[in-house]
Amino acid sequence: MKRFSYAFRLVGEFWQFARQRKIYWLLPLMLILLPIALFIVTGEVAAPLIYTLF
């Protein structure tokens, strides 16, 4: 549970940073990079499971 609170706090700080400096173009960039990062992490975790099937 501590990890989730850290993640939410990090997102909140990032939002405040972007809002104070008026660099809203960073938000769509992060929304694109976040799913890519999640795909890479889950792909690394799932790879050994897939290899055992074949």
PDB file of N, CA and C in Angstrom:
ATOM      1  N   MET A   1       0.814  -1.190   0.000  1.00  0.00           N
ATOM      2  CA  MET A   1       0.000   0.000   0.000  1.00  0.00           C
ATOM      3  C   MET A   1       0.861   1.258   0.000  1.00  0.00           C
ATOM      4  N   LYS A   2       2.029   1.139   0.568  1.00  0.00           N
ATOM      5  CA  LYS A   2       2.926   2.284   0.628  1.00  0.00           C
ATOM      6  C   LYS A   2       3.382   2.701  -0.774  1.00  0.00           C
ATOM      7  N   ARG A   3       3.529   1.722  -1.662  1.00  0.00           N
ATOM      8  CA  ARG A   3       3.955   2.031  -3.032  1.00  0.00           C
ATOM      9  C   ARG A   3       2.911   2.862  -3.760  1.00  0.00           C
ATOM     10  N   PHE A   4       1.627   2.529  -3.524  1.00  0.00           N
ATOM     11  CA  PHE A   4       0.567   3.278  -4.190  1.00  0.00           C
ATOM     12  C   PHE A   4       0.517   4.717  -3.712  1.00  0.00           C
ATOM     13  N   SER A   5       0.699   4.910  -2.419  1.00  0.00           N
ATOM     14  CA  SER A   5       0.672   6.284  -1.913  1.00  0.00           C
ATOM     15  C   SER A   5       1.852   7.081  -2.466  1.00  0.00           C
ATOM     16  N   TYR A   6       2.997   6.429  -2.617  1.00  0.00           N
ATOM     17  CA  TYR A   6       4.152   7.097  -3.209  1.00  0.00           C
ATOM     18  C   TYR A   6       3.871   7.447  -4.664  1.00  0.00           C
ATOM     19  N   ALA A   7       3.248   6.537  -5.401  1.00  0.00           N
ATOM     20  CA  ALA A   7       2.957   6.779  -6.814  1.00  0.00           C
ATOM     21  C   ALA A   7       1.963   7.927  -6.974  1.00  0.00           C
ATOM     22  N   PHE A   8       0.925   7.952  -6.145  1.00  0.00           N
ATOM     23  CA  PHE A   8      -0.053   9.037  -6.232  1.00  0.00           C
ATOM     24  C   PHE A   8       0.564  10.367  -5.848  1.00  0.00           C
ATOM     25  N   ARG A   9       1.443  10.359  -4.863  1.00  0.00           N
ATOM     26  CA  ARG A   9       2.108  11.592  -4.457  1.00  0.00           C
ATOM     27  C   ARG A   9       3.028  12.089  -5.579  1.00  0.00           C
ATOM     28  N   LEU A  10       3.698  11.164  -6.255  1.00  0.00           N
ATOM     29  CA  LEU A  10       4.582  11.525  -7.362  1.00  0.00           C
ATOM     30  C   LEU A  10       3.792  12.139  -8.517  1.00  0.00           C
ATOM     31  N   VAL A  11       2.652  11.557  -8.832  1.00  0.00           N
ATOM     32  CA  VAL A  11       1.808  12.097  -9.900  1.00  0.00           C
ATOM     33  C   VAL A  11       1.302  13.488  -9.520  1.00  0.00           C
ATOM     34  N   GLY A  12       0.929  13.667  -8.261  1.00  0.00           N
ATOM     35  CA  GLY A  12       0.463  14.976  -7.805  1.00  0.00           C
ATOM     36  C   GLY A  12       1.547  16.033  -7.889  1.00  0.00           C
ATOM     37  N   GLU A  13       2.749  15.676  -7.511  1.00  0.00           N
ATOM     38  CA  GLU A  13       3.857  16.630  -7.596  1.00  0.00           C
ATOM     39  C   GLU A  13       4.186  16.962  -9.048  1.00  0.00           C
ATOM     40  N   PHE A  14       4.102  15.971  -9.916  1.00  0.00           N
ATOM     41  CA  PHE A  14       4.351  16.211 -11.336  1.00  0.00           C
ATOM     42  C   PHE A  14       3.300  17.163 -11.906  1.00  0.00           C
ATOM     43  N   TRP A  15       2.027  16.961 -11.514  1.00  0.00           N
ATOM     44  CA  TRP A  15       0.956  17.834 -11.984  1.00  0.00           C
ATOM     45  C   TRP A  15       1.173  19.261 -11.501  1.00  0.00           C
ATOM     46  N   GLN A  16       1.570  19.439 -10.241  1.00  0.00           N
ATOM     47  CA  GLN A  16       1.828  20.774  -9.716  1.00  0.00           C
ATOM     48  C   GLN A  16       3.002  21.431 -10.433  1.00  0.00           C
ATOM     49  N   PHE A  17       4.032  20.653 -10.715  1.00  0.00           N
ATOM     50  CA  PHE A  17       5.194  21.168 -11.445  1.00  0.00           C
ATOM     51  C   PHE A  17       4.784  21.687 -12.813  1.00  0.00           C
ATOM     52  N   ALA A  18       3.998  20.880 -13.543  1.00  0.00           N
ATOM     53  CA  ALA A  18       3.575  21.275 -14.890  1.00  0.00           C
ATOM     54  C   ALA A  18       2.643  22.479 -14.844  1.00  0.00           C
ATOM     55  N   ARG A  19       1.779  22.540 -13.848  1.00  0.00           N
ATOM     56  CA  ARG A  19       0.823  23.636 -13.747  1.00  0.00           C
ATOM     57  C   ARG A  19       1.501  24.946 -13.369  1.00  0.00           C
ATOM     58  N   GLN A  20       2.463  24.901 -12.461  1.00  0.00           N
ATOM     59  CA  GLN A  20       3.148  26.126 -12.056  1.00  0.00           C
ATOM     60  C   GLN A  20       3.967  26.714 -13.191  1.00  0.00           C
ATOM     61  N   ARG A  21       4.615  25.861 -13.949  1.00  0.00           N
ATOM     62  CA  ARG A  21       5.477  26.343 -15.025  1.00  0.00           C
ATOM     63  C   ARG A  21       4.765  26.455 -16.374  1.00  0.00           C
ATOM     64  N   LYS A  22       3.475  26.095 -16.386  1.00  0.00           N
ATOM     65  CA  LYS A  22       2.646  26.170 -17.584  1.00  0.00           C
ATOM     66  C   LYS A  22       3.262  25.398 -18.759  1.00  0.00           C
ATOM     67  N   ILE A  23       3.710  24.204 -18.469  1.00  0.00           N
ATOM     68  CA  ILE A  23       4.238  23.331 -19.520  1.00  0.00           C
ATOM     69  C   ILE A  23       3.302  22.136 -19.676  1.00  0.00           C
ATOM     70  N   TYR A  24       2.118  22.447 -20.184  1.00  0.00           N
ATOM     71  CA  TYR A  24       1.077  21.437 -20.305  1.00  0.00           C
ATOM     72  C   TYR A  24       1.375  20.410 -21.393  1.00  0.00           C
ATOM     73  N   TRP A  25       2.314  20.686 -22.282  1.00  0.00           N
ATOM     74  CA  TRP A  25       2.659  19.734 -23.318  1.00  0.00           C
ATOM     75  C   TRP A  25       3.332  18.498 -22.723  1.00  0.00           C
ATOM     76  N   LEU A  26       3.824  18.592 -21.504  1.00  0.00           N
ATOM     77  CA  LEU A  26       4.448  17.435 -20.858  1.00  0.00           C
ATOM     78  C   LEU A  26       3.420  16.377 -20.485  1.00  0.00           C
ATOM     79  N   LEU A  27       2.197  16.766 -20.205  1.00  0.00           N
ATOM     80  CA  LEU A  27       1.188  15.822 -19.758  1.00  0.00           C
ATOM     81  C   LEU A  27       0.826  14.789 -20.836  1.00  0.00           C
ATOM     82  N   PRO A  28       0.539  15.187 -22.085  1.00  0.00           N
ATOM     83  CA  PRO A  28       0.281  14.152 -23.102  1.00  0.00           C
ATOM     84  C   PRO A  28       1.495  13.261 -23.347  1.00  0.00           C
ATOM     85  N   LEU A  29       2.671  13.841 -23.236  1.00  0.00           N
ATOM     86  CA  LEU A  29       3.886  13.045 -23.406  1.00  0.00           C
ATOM     87  C   LEU A  29       3.975  11.959 -22.336  1.00  0.00           C
ATOM     88  N   MET A  30       3.678  12.322 -21.098  1.00  0.00           N
ATOM     89  CA  MET A  30       3.710  11.349 -20.016  1.00  0.00           C
ATOM     90  C   MET A  30       2.594  10.316 -20.157  1.00  0.00           C
ATOM     91  N   LEU A  31       1.442  10.741 -20.650  1.00  0.00           N
ATOM     92  CA  LEU A  31       0.346   9.793 -20.854  1.00  0.00           C
ATOM     93  C   LEU A  31       0.664   8.782 -21.949  1.00  0.00           C
ATOM     94  N   ILE A  32       1.533   9.138 -22.859  1.00  0.00           N
ATOM     95  CA  ILE A  32       1.961   8.199 -23.894  1.00  0.00           C
ATOM     96  C   ILE A  32       3.078   7.302 -23.377  1.00  0.00           C
ATOM     97  N   LEU A  33       4.016   7.871 -22.634  1.00  0.00           N
ATOM     98  CA  LEU A  33       5.151   7.096 -22.155  1.00  0.00           C
ATOM     99  C   LEU A  33       4.787   6.129 -21.031  1.00  0.00           C
ATOM    100  N   LEU A  34       3.793   6.445 -20.239  1.00  0.00           N
ATOM    101  CA  LEU A  34       3.400   5.579 -19.129  1.00  0.00           C
ATOM    102  C   LEU A  34       2.920   4.205 -19.601  1.00  0.00           C
ATOM    103  N   PRO A  35       2.009   4.103 -20.573  1.00  0.00           N
ATOM    104  CA  PRO A  35       1.609   2.764 -21.038  1.00  0.00           C
ATOM    105  C   PRO A  35       2.759   1.994 -21.693  1.00  0.00           C
ATOM    106  N   ILE A  36       3.646   2.705 -22.354  1.00  0.00           N
ATOM    107  CA  ILE A  36       4.797   2.033 -22.961  1.00  0.00           C
ATOM    108  C   ILE A  36       5.683   1.433 -21.874  1.00  0.00           C
ATOM    109  N   ALA A  37       5.908   2.184 -20.805  1.00  0.00           N
ATOM    110  CA  ALA A  37       6.718   1.678 -19.693  1.00  0.00           C
ATOM    111  C   ALA A  37       6.039   0.489 -19.025  1.00  0.00           C
ATOM    112  N   LEU A  38       4.733   0.579 -18.835  1.00  0.00           N
ATOM    113  CA  LEU A  38       4.007  -0.542 -18.236  1.00  0.00           C
ATOM    114  C   LEU A  38       4.060  -1.778 -19.122  1.00  0.00           C
ATOM    115  N   PHE A  39       3.985  -1.577 -20.424  1.00  0.00           N
ATOM    116  CA  PHE A  39       4.077  -2.704 -21.360  1.00  0.00           C
ATOM    117  C   PHE A  39       5.438  -3.377 -21.273  1.00  0.00           C
ATOM    118  N   ILE A  40       6.492  -2.591 -21.165  1.00  0.00           N
ATOM    119  CA  ILE A  40       7.841  -3.153 -21.061  1.00  0.00           C
ATOM    120  C   ILE A  40       8.003  -3.935 -19.763  1.00  0.00           C
ATOM    121  N   VAL A  41       7.525  -3.378 -18.666  1.00  0.00           N
ATOM    122  CA  VAL A  41       7.659  -4.055 -17.367  1.00  0.00           C
ATOM    123  C   VAL A  41       6.859  -5.344 -17.352  1.00  0.00           C
ATOM    124  N   THR A  42       5.621  -5.312 -17.818  1.00  0.00           N
ATOM    125  CA  THR A  42       4.814  -6.537 -17.815  1.00  0.00           C
ATOM    126  C   THR A  42       5.335  -7.542 -18.830  1.00  0.00           C
ATOM    127  N   GLY A  43       5.930  -7.070 -19.895  1.00  0.00           N
ATOM    128  CA  GLY A  43       6.521  -7.989 -20.869  1.00  0.00           C
ATOM    129  C   GLY A  43       7.705  -8.737 -20.295  1.00  0.00           C
ATOM    130  N   GLU A  44       8.482  -8.073 -19.468  1.00  0.00           N
ATOM    131  CA  GLU A  44       9.618  -8.735 -18.839  1.00  0.00           C
ATOM    132  C   GLU A  44       9.160  -9.759 -17.814  1.00  0.00           C
ATOM    133  N   VAL A  45       8.070  -9.478 -17.148  1.00  0.00           N
ATOM    134  CA  VAL A  45       7.555 -10.405 -16.147  1.00  0.00           C
ATOM    135  C   VAL A  45       6.909 -11.609 -16.814  1.00  0.00           C
ATOM    136  N   ALA A  46       6.200 -11.391 -17.913  1.00  0.00           N
ATOM    137  CA  ALA A  46       5.460 -12.459 -18.569  1.00  0.00           C
ATOM    138  C   ALA A  46       6.341 -13.323 -19.462  1.00  0.00           C
ATOM    139  N   ALA A  47       7.514 -12.862 -19.822  1.00  0.00           N
ATOM    140  CA  ALA A  47       8.364 -13.610 -20.752  1.00  0.00           C
ATOM    141  C   ALA A  47       8.695 -15.022 -20.259  1.00  0.00           C
ATOM    142  N   PRO A  48       9.132 -15.208 -19.014  1.00  0.00           N
ATOM    143  CA  PRO A  48       9.423 -16.582 -18.579  1.00  0.00           C
ATOM    144  C   PRO A  48       8.192 -17.481 -18.601  1.00  0.00           C
ATOM    145  N   LEU A  49       7.027 -16.927 -18.359  1.00  0.00           N
ATOM    146  CA  LEU A  49       5.814 -17.732 -18.402  1.00  0.00           C
ATOM    147  C   LEU A  49       5.487 -18.161 -19.823  1.00  0.00           C
ATOM    148  N   ILE A  50       5.723 -17.278 -20.770  1.00  0.00           N
ATOM    149  CA  ILE A  50       5.434 -17.605 -22.173  1.00  0.00           C
ATOM    150  C   ILE A  50       6.422 -18.652 -22.675  1.00  0.00           C
ATOM    151  N   TYR A  51       7.683 -18.545 -22.290  1.00  0.00           N
ATOM    152  CA  TYR A  51       8.694 -19.486 -22.746  1.00  0.00           C
ATOM    153  C   TYR A  51       8.409 -20.907 -22.263  1.00  0.00           C
ATOM    154  N   THR A  52       7.803 -21.060 -21.102  1.00  0.00           N
ATOM    155  CA  THR A  52       7.514 -22.398 -20.605  1.00  0.00           C
ATOM    156  C   THR A  52       6.381 -23.058 -21.369  1.00  0.00           C
ATOM    157  N   LEU A  53       5.554 -22.267 -22.060  1.00  0.00           N
ATOM    158  CA  LEU A  53       4.458 -22.852 -22.829  1.00  0.00           C
ATOM    159  C   LEU A  53       4.956 -23.486 -24.116  1.00  0.00           C
ATOM    160  N   PHE A  54       6.076 -23.037 -24.628  1.00  0.00           N
ATOM    161  CA  PHE A  54       6.551 -23.544 -25.926  1.00  0.00           C
ATOM    162  C   PHE A  54       7.724 -24.429 -25.776  1.00  0.00           C
TER     163      PHE A  54
END
